[in-house]
Amino acid sequence: MKYDQLVPNVYYENINDGLKMFVNCLGFEIGHSELSAKEPFCVLNKDGLSIYLFQHAPLAKEHNPEFRIVTKNIEEVYEKVSRSHPEYLHPNLKIVTLRPWGAREFALRDDQVCIVFQQW
């Protein structure tokens, strides 16, 4: 059995909030867009990763996912996002920190998701 990709669904009350986090801050690109549909939806892609964003207020209230993105260049990622979007830095992990389990991490959050960046 082989898997090629795991693609999470993320629900926002306003899909534009998700686009600010994933496109403007993290550099994902819109691979498929139904942003003008009655129920807006889009597929975002970057470096072989994908995420589906949905505008769906009831589900957004129920789901607050946390994601972990593993990278080999955490300092570069941190420098870019901390300069361009410091408002997303998670107050509990706002700088690159060596964690007890041996990984270096920092985190971002908006009103809907938390993203932990990790380098082993």
N, C-alpha and C. Protein backbone atom coordinates (compact mmCIF):
# COMPACT_ATOMS: atom_id res chain seq x y z
N MET A 1 0.84 -1.17 0.00
CA MET A 1 0.00 0.00 0.00
C MET A 1 0.89 1.24 0.00
N LYS A 2 0.59 2.21 -0.87
CA LYS A 2 1.38 3.42 -1.00
C LYS A 2 0.45 4.63 -1.00
N TYR A 3 0.85 5.66 -0.28
CA TYR A 3 0.10 6.91 -0.26
C TYR A 3 0.96 7.99 -0.89
N ASP A 4 0.33 8.88 -1.62
CA ASP A 4 1.06 9.95 -2.29
C ASP A 4 0.95 11.29 -1.57
N GLN A 5 -0.17 11.54 -0.91
CA GLN A 5 -0.35 12.85 -0.29
C GLN A 5 -1.50 12.80 0.70
N LEU A 6 -1.38 13.57 1.76
CA LEU A 6 -2.47 13.78 2.71
C LEU A 6 -2.91 15.22 2.54
N VAL A 7 -4.19 15.45 2.25
CA VAL A 7 -4.68 16.80 1.96
C VAL A 7 -5.75 17.18 2.98
N PRO A 8 -5.44 18.10 3.88
CA PRO A 8 -6.43 18.51 4.88
C PRO A 8 -7.45 19.50 4.32
N ASN A 9 -8.64 19.47 4.90
CA ASN A 9 -9.67 20.46 4.64
C ASN A 9 -9.67 21.43 5.80
N VAL A 10 -9.74 22.73 5.49
CA VAL A 10 -9.80 23.75 6.53
C VAL A 10 -10.99 24.65 6.23
N TYR A 11 -11.79 24.88 7.25
CA TYR A 11 -13.01 25.67 7.12
C TYR A 11 -12.82 27.02 7.80
N TYR A 12 -13.18 28.07 7.08
CA TYR A 12 -13.13 29.43 7.60
C TYR A 12 -14.52 30.05 7.51
N GLU A 13 -14.82 30.95 8.43
CA GLU A 13 -16.05 31.74 8.29
C GLU A 13 -15.93 32.62 7.06
N ASN A 14 -14.73 33.18 6.84
CA ASN A 14 -14.45 34.00 5.67
C ASN A 14 -13.19 33.42 5.02
N ILE A 15 -13.33 32.85 3.85
CA ILE A 15 -12.21 32.17 3.18
C ILE A 15 -11.03 33.12 2.95
N ASN A 16 -11.29 34.43 2.86
CA ASN A 16 -10.20 35.38 2.66
C ASN A 16 -9.22 35.38 3.82
N ASP A 17 -9.67 35.04 5.03
CA ASP A 17 -8.76 34.92 6.17
C ASP A 17 -7.76 33.80 5.93
N GLY A 18 -8.22 32.69 5.39
CA GLY A 18 -7.34 31.58 5.07
C GLY A 18 -6.37 31.91 3.95
N LEU A 19 -6.85 32.66 2.97
CA LEU A 19 -5.97 33.07 1.87
C LEU A 19 -4.87 33.99 2.37
N LYS A 20 -5.17 34.85 3.32
CA LYS A 20 -4.13 35.72 3.89
C LYS A 20 -3.04 34.89 4.56
N MET A 21 -3.45 33.88 5.34
CA MET A 21 -2.48 33.05 6.05
C MET A 21 -1.66 32.20 5.08
N PHE A 22 -2.34 31.43 4.24
CA PHE A 22 -1.65 30.44 3.42
C PHE A 22 -1.02 31.02 2.15
N VAL A 23 -1.68 31.97 1.50
CA VAL A 23 -1.15 32.53 0.26
C VAL A 23 -0.23 33.72 0.55
N ASN A 24 -0.76 34.73 1.22
CA ASN A 24 0.02 35.94 1.45
C ASN A 24 1.20 35.71 2.39
N CYS A 25 0.99 34.98 3.48
CA CYS A 25 2.05 34.77 4.47
C CYS A 25 2.98 33.61 4.10
N LEU A 26 2.42 32.47 3.75
CA LEU A 26 3.22 31.26 3.57
C LEU A 26 3.58 30.94 2.13
N GLY A 27 3.05 31.68 1.17
CA GLY A 27 3.47 31.50 -0.21
C GLY A 27 2.82 30.37 -0.97
N PHE A 28 1.70 29.83 -0.48
CA PHE A 28 0.96 28.83 -1.26
C PHE A 28 0.36 29.52 -2.47
N GLU A 29 0.10 28.75 -3.52
CA GLU A 29 -0.54 29.26 -4.73
C GLU A 29 -1.91 28.61 -4.88
N ILE A 30 -2.82 29.33 -5.49
CA ILE A 30 -4.16 28.79 -5.75
C ILE A 30 -4.08 27.90 -6.97
N GLY A 31 -4.33 26.61 -6.77
CA GLY A 31 -4.28 25.64 -7.86
C GLY A 31 -5.64 25.42 -8.49
N HIS A 32 -6.69 25.62 -7.72
CA HIS A 32 -8.06 25.52 -8.20
C HIS A 32 -8.88 26.50 -7.40
N SER A 33 -9.75 27.24 -8.08
CA SER A 33 -10.51 28.28 -7.39
C SER A 33 -11.98 28.23 -7.74
N GLU A 34 -12.80 28.23 -6.71
CA GLU A 34 -14.24 28.44 -6.84
C GLU A 34 -14.62 29.51 -5.82
N LEU A 35 -13.83 30.58 -5.80
CA LEU A 35 -14.01 31.64 -4.80
C LEU A 35 -15.28 32.44 -5.00
N SER A 36 -15.82 32.47 -6.21
CA SER A 36 -17.05 33.22 -6.45
C SER A 36 -18.30 32.34 -6.35
N ALA A 37 -18.13 31.08 -6.00
CA ALA A 37 -19.27 30.17 -5.87
C ALA A 37 -20.10 30.52 -4.63
N LYS A 38 -21.29 29.97 -4.58
CA LYS A 38 -22.17 30.18 -3.42
C LYS A 38 -21.47 29.73 -2.14
N GLU A 39 -20.77 28.62 -2.20
CA GLU A 39 -19.97 28.12 -1.08
C GLU A 39 -18.51 28.12 -1.54
N PRO A 40 -17.79 29.23 -1.33
CA PRO A 40 -16.42 29.36 -1.83
C PRO A 40 -15.48 28.23 -1.38
N PHE A 41 -14.60 27.86 -2.28
CA PHE A 41 -13.68 26.75 -2.08
C PHE A 41 -12.46 26.99 -2.95
N CYS A 42 -11.30 26.54 -2.49
CA CYS A 42 -10.11 26.57 -3.34
C CYS A 42 -9.11 25.52 -2.88
N VAL A 43 -8.22 25.15 -3.78
CA VAL A 43 -7.13 24.23 -3.49
C VAL A 43 -5.85 25.05 -3.55
N LEU A 44 -5.05 24.95 -2.49
CA LEU A 44 -3.78 25.66 -2.42
C LEU A 44 -2.64 24.65 -2.50
N ASN A 45 -1.55 25.04 -3.17
CA ASN A 45 -0.41 24.14 -3.37
C ASN A 45 0.90 24.88 -3.12
N LYS A 46 1.87 24.15 -2.58
CA LYS A 46 3.23 24.65 -2.43
C LYS A 46 4.16 23.47 -2.17
N ASP A 47 5.20 23.35 -2.97
CA ASP A 47 6.25 22.35 -2.74
C ASP A 47 5.72 20.93 -2.54
N GLY A 48 4.70 20.54 -3.30
CA GLY A 48 4.14 19.20 -3.18
C GLY A 48 3.11 19.05 -2.08
N LEU A 49 2.85 20.12 -1.32
CA LEU A 49 1.81 20.11 -0.30
C LEU A 49 0.53 20.70 -0.87
N SER A 50 -0.60 20.25 -0.40
CA SER A 50 -1.89 20.82 -0.79
C SER A 50 -2.77 20.97 0.43
N ILE A 51 -3.66 21.93 0.36
CA ILE A 51 -4.65 22.15 1.41
C ILE A 51 -5.91 22.64 0.73
N TYR A 52 -7.05 22.19 1.20
CA TYR A 52 -8.34 22.65 0.67
C TYR A 52 -8.92 23.64 1.65
N LEU A 53 -9.28 24.83 1.17
CA LEU A 53 -9.94 25.84 2.00
C LEU A 53 -11.40 25.94 1.59
N PHE A 54 -12.26 26.00 2.60
CA PHE A 54 -13.69 26.14 2.39
C PHE A 54 -14.20 27.31 3.21
N GLN A 55 -15.16 28.04 2.67
CA GLN A 55 -15.88 29.02 3.46
C GLN A 55 -17.15 28.35 3.94
N HIS A 56 -17.21 28.06 5.24
CA HIS A 56 -18.35 27.35 5.82
C HIS A 56 -18.40 27.67 7.30
N ALA A 57 -19.17 28.66 7.68
CA ALA A 57 -19.18 29.17 9.05
C ALA A 57 -19.51 28.11 10.10
N PRO A 58 -20.55 27.29 9.92
CA PRO A 58 -20.84 26.30 10.98
C PRO A 58 -19.69 25.32 11.21
N LEU A 59 -19.06 24.84 10.14
CA LEU A 59 -17.93 23.91 10.32
C LEU A 59 -16.70 24.63 10.87
N ALA A 60 -16.52 25.89 10.50
CA ALA A 60 -15.39 26.66 11.03
C ALA A 60 -15.49 26.78 12.55
N LYS A 61 -16.69 26.88 13.07
CA LYS A 61 -16.88 26.98 14.52
C LYS A 61 -16.58 25.66 15.23
N GLU A 62 -16.70 24.56 14.51
CA GLU A 62 -16.47 23.24 15.10
C GLU A 62 -15.02 22.76 14.98
N HIS A 63 -14.30 23.24 13.97
CA HIS A 63 -12.97 22.71 13.67
C HIS A 63 -11.90 23.79 13.79
N ASN A 64 -10.92 23.53 14.63
CA ASN A 64 -9.75 24.40 14.76
C ASN A 64 -8.50 23.53 14.67
N PRO A 65 -8.09 23.20 13.45
CA PRO A 65 -7.00 22.25 13.27
C PRO A 65 -5.63 22.83 13.61
N GLU A 66 -4.73 21.91 13.94
CA GLU A 66 -3.32 22.25 14.11
C GLU A 66 -2.54 21.39 13.12
N PHE A 67 -1.65 22.04 12.38
CA PHE A 67 -0.82 21.36 11.39
C PHE A 67 0.64 21.49 11.77
N ARG A 68 1.44 20.56 11.33
CA ARG A 68 2.88 20.60 11.52
C ARG A 68 3.51 20.54 10.13
N ILE A 69 4.35 21.52 9.82
CA ILE A 69 5.08 21.53 8.56
C ILE A 69 6.55 21.34 8.89
N VAL A 70 7.11 20.27 8.38
CA VAL A 70 8.52 19.95 8.62
C VAL A 70 9.34 20.58 7.50
N THR A 71 10.43 21.22 7.88
CA THR A 71 11.29 21.90 6.92
C THR A 71 12.76 21.65 7.28
N LYS A 72 13.63 21.85 6.32
CA LYS A 72 15.06 21.75 6.57
C LYS A 72 15.68 23.14 6.74
N ASN A 73 14.86 24.19 6.64
CA ASN A 73 15.36 25.56 6.72
C ASN A 73 14.47 26.44 7.61
N ILE A 74 14.31 26.04 8.85
CA ILE A 74 13.38 26.73 9.75
C ILE A 74 13.75 28.19 9.97
N GLU A 75 15.05 28.51 10.02
CA GLU A 75 15.47 29.90 10.23
C GLU A 75 15.02 30.79 9.06
N GLU A 76 15.14 30.28 7.85
CA GLU A 76 14.71 31.03 6.67
C GLU A 76 13.20 31.27 6.70
N VAL A 77 12.45 30.23 7.02
CA VAL A 77 10.99 30.36 7.10
C VAL A 77 10.62 31.37 8.19
N TYR A 78 11.25 31.23 9.35
CA TYR A 78 10.97 32.13 10.46
C TYR A 78 11.27 33.59 10.10
N GLU A 79 12.43 33.83 9.52
CA GLU A 79 12.80 35.20 9.16
C GLU A 79 11.79 35.81 8.19
N LYS A 80 11.38 35.04 7.21
CA LYS A 80 10.44 35.56 6.22
C LYS A 80 9.09 35.89 6.84
N VAL A 81 8.50 34.94 7.56
CA VAL A 81 7.15 35.18 8.08
C VAL A 81 7.14 36.13 9.28
N SER A 82 8.19 36.14 10.08
CA SER A 82 8.21 37.05 11.23
C SER A 82 8.36 38.50 10.78
N ARG A 83 9.02 38.71 9.64
CA ARG A 83 9.13 40.07 9.09
C ARG A 83 7.86 40.49 8.35
N SER A 84 7.30 39.59 7.56
CA SER A 84 6.16 39.96 6.72
C SER A 84 4.81 39.89 7.44
N HIS A 85 4.66 38.98 8.39
CA HIS A 85 3.37 38.77 9.06
C HIS A 85 3.57 38.45 10.56
N PRO A 86 4.18 39.35 11.32
CA PRO A 86 4.42 39.07 12.74
C PRO A 86 3.14 38.86 13.54
N GLU A 87 2.03 39.36 13.04
CA GLU A 87 0.76 39.20 13.76
C GLU A 87 0.32 37.74 13.85
N TYR A 88 0.89 36.87 13.00
CA TYR A 88 0.54 35.46 13.04
C TYR A 88 1.41 34.64 14.00
N LEU A 89 2.46 35.20 14.55
CA LEU A 89 3.32 34.44 15.46
C LEU A 89 2.53 34.05 16.71
N HIS A 90 2.57 32.77 17.03
CA HIS A 90 1.83 32.24 18.19
C HIS A 90 2.50 32.74 19.46
N PRO A 91 1.75 33.30 20.40
CA PRO A 91 2.37 33.84 21.61
C PRO A 91 3.11 32.80 22.46
N ASN A 92 2.75 31.54 22.35
CA ASN A 92 3.41 30.50 23.14
C ASN A 92 4.63 29.89 22.45
N LEU A 93 4.86 30.23 21.18
CA LEU A 93 6.00 29.68 20.45
C LEU A 93 6.37 30.65 19.32
N LYS A 94 6.66 31.90 19.70
CA LYS A 94 6.86 32.97 18.72
C LYS A 94 8.28 33.10 18.22
N ILE A 95 9.21 32.31 18.76
CA ILE A 95 10.57 32.28 18.25
C ILE A 95 10.98 30.82 18.04
N VAL A 96 11.99 30.60 17.23
CA VAL A 96 12.48 29.24 17.01
C VAL A 96 13.06 28.74 18.32
N THR A 97 12.53 27.62 18.78
CA THR A 97 12.85 27.09 20.10
C THR A 97 13.22 25.61 20.00
N LEU A 98 14.28 25.21 20.66
CA LEU A 98 14.62 23.79 20.74
C LEU A 98 13.69 23.14 21.76
N ARG A 99 12.92 22.18 21.32
CA ARG A 99 11.93 21.52 22.16
C ARG A 99 12.55 20.31 22.86
N PRO A 100 11.95 19.85 23.97
CA PRO A 100 12.50 18.71 24.72
C PRO A 100 12.67 17.45 23.87
N TRP A 101 11.90 17.28 22.82
CA TRP A 101 11.98 16.08 21.98
C TRP A 101 13.03 16.21 20.88
N GLY A 102 13.78 17.33 20.88
CA GLY A 102 14.91 17.47 19.97
C GLY A 102 14.64 18.23 18.68
N ALA A 103 13.42 18.64 18.44
CA ALA A 103 13.10 19.41 17.25
C ALA A 103 13.15 20.90 17.55
N ARG A 104 13.51 21.69 16.55
CA ARG A 104 13.43 23.15 16.65
C ARG A 104 12.10 23.54 16.05
N GLU A 105 11.33 24.40 16.75
CA GLU A 105 9.98 24.74 16.31
C GLU A 105 9.64 26.20 16.58
N PHE A 106 8.71 26.71 15.78
CA PHE A 106 7.99 27.94 16.06
C PHE A 106 6.59 27.76 15.49
N ALA A 107 5.65 28.63 15.88
CA ALA A 107 4.27 28.43 15.46
C ALA A 107 3.61 29.73 15.00
N LEU A 108 2.64 29.56 14.12
CA LEU A 108 1.78 30.63 13.65
C LEU A 108 0.34 30.27 13.98
N ARG A 109 -0.50 31.30 14.10
CA ARG A 109 -1.92 31.04 14.25
C ARG A 109 -2.71 32.22 13.73
N ASP A 110 -3.91 31.91 13.26
CA ASP A 110 -4.90 32.94 12.97
C ASP A 110 -6.14 32.56 13.77
N ASP A 111 -7.29 33.06 13.40
CA ASP A 111 -8.50 32.74 14.18
C ASP A 111 -8.97 31.30 13.98
N GLN A 112 -8.40 30.59 13.01
CA GLN A 112 -8.90 29.27 12.68
C GLN A 112 -7.89 28.14 12.86
N VAL A 113 -6.63 28.35 12.51
CA VAL A 113 -5.65 27.27 12.52
C VAL A 113 -4.39 27.65 13.30
N CYS A 114 -3.68 26.61 13.71
CA CYS A 114 -2.34 26.76 14.28
C CYS A 114 -1.41 25.94 13.39
N ILE A 115 -0.28 26.53 13.01
CA ILE A 115 0.70 25.83 12.18
C ILE A 115 2.02 25.84 12.92
N VAL A 116 2.51 24.66 13.24
CA VAL A 116 3.81 24.51 13.89
C VAL A 116 4.82 24.16 12.81
N PHE A 117 5.89 24.96 12.72
CA PHE A 117 6.99 24.66 11.81
C PHE A 117 8.05 23.94 12.62
N GLN A 118 8.60 22.88 12.04
CA GLN A 118 9.49 22.00 12.78
C GLN A 118 10.69 21.60 11.92
N GLN A 119 11.85 21.59 12.56
CA GLN A 119 13.05 21.07 11.90
C GLN A 119 13.71 20.09 12.86
N TRP A 120 13.99 18.90 12.37
CA TRP A 120 14.66 17.88 13.20
C TRP A 120 16.15 17.98 13.01
